[in-house]
Amino acid sequence: MLNKKLNTEILPKEFFLKEQAILELFFGDRAEAKTVNKLKKIMQEAVMEILGLKEGIADSEKVKLNYALEYVSSAQLGLMGYWFKNRMELPMEELGEMMEKINLTGVITYLFNDIKKADG
């Protein structure tokens, strides 16, 4: 794993509790597509920076890279939106760990190794 724990000092849970109106812009029922798309672009740029994908990608692979980045950013925002709409029922740290596992192993592996294994 990346061994980077969710830094709650940078974005503490209190932010999510206090700034409900701001979060409604991104995750609420009336979130505007333009605002969400801007956030997705920011996330995609961050992923490219963290993983060193800004350079060294063949032109023939850039289209696939864009699809993969769209997938990751949409999934991340979807989970965060679901968390917000469900009144942050999971602790923030647990959500972060879950997102990291899903990102690094894939959702099917996560479902079988973490969810199903916990049941039986």
Protein backbone atom coordinates (compact mmCIF):
# COMPACT_ATOMS: atom_id res chain seq x y z
CA MET A 1 0.00 0.00 0.00
CA LEU A 2 1.02 3.60 -0.24
CA ASN A 3 1.48 3.74 3.55
CA LYS A 4 -0.05 7.20 3.68
CA LYS A 5 -2.74 7.42 6.31
CA LEU A 6 -5.57 9.86 5.90
CA ASN A 7 -4.29 13.10 7.36
CA THR A 8 -7.21 14.44 9.35
CA GLU A 9 -5.18 17.53 10.25
CA ILE A 10 -5.32 18.68 6.62
CA LEU A 11 -9.05 18.07 6.27
CA PRO A 12 -10.50 17.32 9.70
CA LYS A 13 -13.90 15.72 10.12
CA GLU A 14 -15.05 18.94 11.76
CA PHE A 15 -14.80 20.56 8.32
CA PHE A 16 -17.37 18.11 6.97
CA LEU A 17 -19.63 18.74 9.95
CA LYS A 18 -19.39 22.54 9.86
CA GLU A 19 -19.37 23.13 6.11
CA GLN A 20 -22.52 21.30 5.09
CA ALA A 21 -23.56 24.08 2.69
CA ILE A 22 -20.28 23.91 0.78
CA LEU A 23 -20.40 20.14 0.62
CA GLU A 24 -23.94 20.30 -0.75
CA LEU A 25 -22.45 21.97 -3.84
CA PHE A 26 -20.40 18.84 -4.55
CA PHE A 27 -22.42 16.01 -3.07
CA GLY A 28 -25.98 17.23 -2.62
CA ASP A 29 -28.99 16.39 -4.74
CA ARG A 30 -28.62 19.69 -6.57
CA ALA A 31 -24.87 19.51 -7.20
CA GLU A 32 -24.01 21.22 -10.46
CA ALA A 33 -22.22 19.11 -13.04
CA LYS A 34 -19.78 21.93 -13.81
CA THR A 35 -18.68 22.15 -10.17
CA VAL A 36 -18.35 18.38 -9.85
CA ASN A 37 -16.36 18.18 -13.09
CA LYS A 38 -13.92 20.82 -11.83
CA LEU A 39 -13.36 18.78 -8.69
CA LYS A 40 -12.84 15.65 -10.79
CA LYS A 41 -10.21 17.44 -12.88
CA ILE A 42 -8.39 18.52 -9.71
CA MET A 43 -8.45 14.93 -8.46
CA GLN A 44 -7.21 13.61 -11.81
CA GLU A 45 -4.30 16.05 -11.81
CA ALA A 46 -3.41 15.00 -8.26
CA VAL A 47 -3.42 11.30 -9.21
CA MET A 48 -1.22 11.99 -12.22
CA GLU A 49 1.20 13.96 -10.04
CA ILE A 50 1.33 11.40 -7.21
CA LEU A 51 1.81 8.45 -9.57
CA GLY A 52 4.22 10.23 -11.91
CA LEU A 53 1.91 9.97 -14.92
CA LYS A 54 2.39 13.50 -16.28
CA GLU A 55 5.32 12.38 -18.42
CA GLY A 56 6.46 9.21 -20.11
CA ILE A 57 3.04 8.08 -21.33
CA ALA A 58 2.97 7.10 -25.00
CA ASP A 59 0.52 9.11 -27.08
CA SER A 60 -1.26 5.86 -27.95
CA GLU A 61 -1.93 5.25 -24.23
CA LYS A 62 -3.12 8.74 -23.27
CA VAL A 63 -6.73 8.00 -24.23
CA LYS A 64 -6.71 4.95 -21.94
CA LEU A 65 -5.10 7.02 -19.19
CA ASN A 66 -7.93 9.55 -19.44
CA TYR A 67 -10.52 6.78 -19.11
CA ALA A 68 -8.74 5.33 -16.08
CA LEU A 69 -8.51 8.76 -14.45
CA GLU A 70 -12.20 9.38 -15.11
CA TYR A 71 -13.02 6.03 -13.50
CA VAL A 72 -10.93 6.74 -10.41
CA SER A 73 -12.17 10.30 -9.89
CA SER A 74 -15.81 9.34 -10.45
CA ALA A 75 -15.54 6.43 -8.04
CA GLN A 76 -13.86 8.57 -5.38
CA LEU A 77 -16.46 11.31 -5.65
CA GLY A 78 -19.24 8.72 -5.68
CA LEU A 79 -18.03 7.20 -2.43
CA MET A 80 -17.53 10.58 -0.81
CA GLY A 81 -20.98 11.67 -1.94
CA TYR A 82 -22.55 8.48 -0.62
CA TRP A 83 -20.72 9.00 2.69
CA PHE A 84 -21.95 12.59 2.90
CA LYS A 85 -25.57 11.72 2.02
CA ASN A 86 -25.54 8.96 4.66
CA ARG A 87 -24.54 11.43 7.35
CA MET A 88 -20.93 10.26 7.48
CA GLU A 89 -21.95 7.00 9.14
CA LEU A 90 -18.47 5.49 8.73
CA PRO A 91 -15.58 7.07 10.59
CA MET A 92 -13.49 9.16 8.19
CA GLU A 93 -10.41 7.01 8.78
CA GLU A 94 -12.34 3.84 7.93
CA LEU A 95 -13.68 5.41 4.74
CA GLY A 96 -10.14 6.42 3.77
CA GLU A 97 -8.81 2.90 4.38
CA MET A 98 -11.65 1.38 2.39
CA MET A 99 -11.06 3.73 -0.54
CA GLU A 100 -7.35 2.96 -0.48
CA LYS A 101 -7.95 -0.81 -0.51
CA ILE A 102 -10.44 -0.54 -3.35
CA ASN A 103 -8.09 1.70 -5.33
CA LEU A 104 -5.10 -0.60 -4.89
CA THR A 105 -6.74 -4.02 -5.20
CA GLY A 106 -9.94 -3.38 -7.15
CA VAL A 107 -13.53 -3.57 -5.98
CA ILE A 108 -14.04 -7.31 -6.70
CA THR A 109 -10.97 -8.27 -4.65
CA TYR A 110 -12.10 -5.93 -1.87
CA LEU A 111 -15.58 -7.49 -1.83
CA PHE A 112 -14.23 -11.04 -1.59
CA ASN A 113 -11.23 -10.43 0.67
CA ASP A 114 -12.65 -7.87 3.07
CA ILE A 115 -16.43 -8.02 2.98
CA LYS A 116 -17.18 -11.69 2.33
CA LYS A 117 -14.28 -12.91 4.49
CA ALA A 118 -15.59 -10.82 7.41
CA ASP A 119 -18.95 -12.61 7.08
CA GLY A 120 -17.64 -16.13 7.19
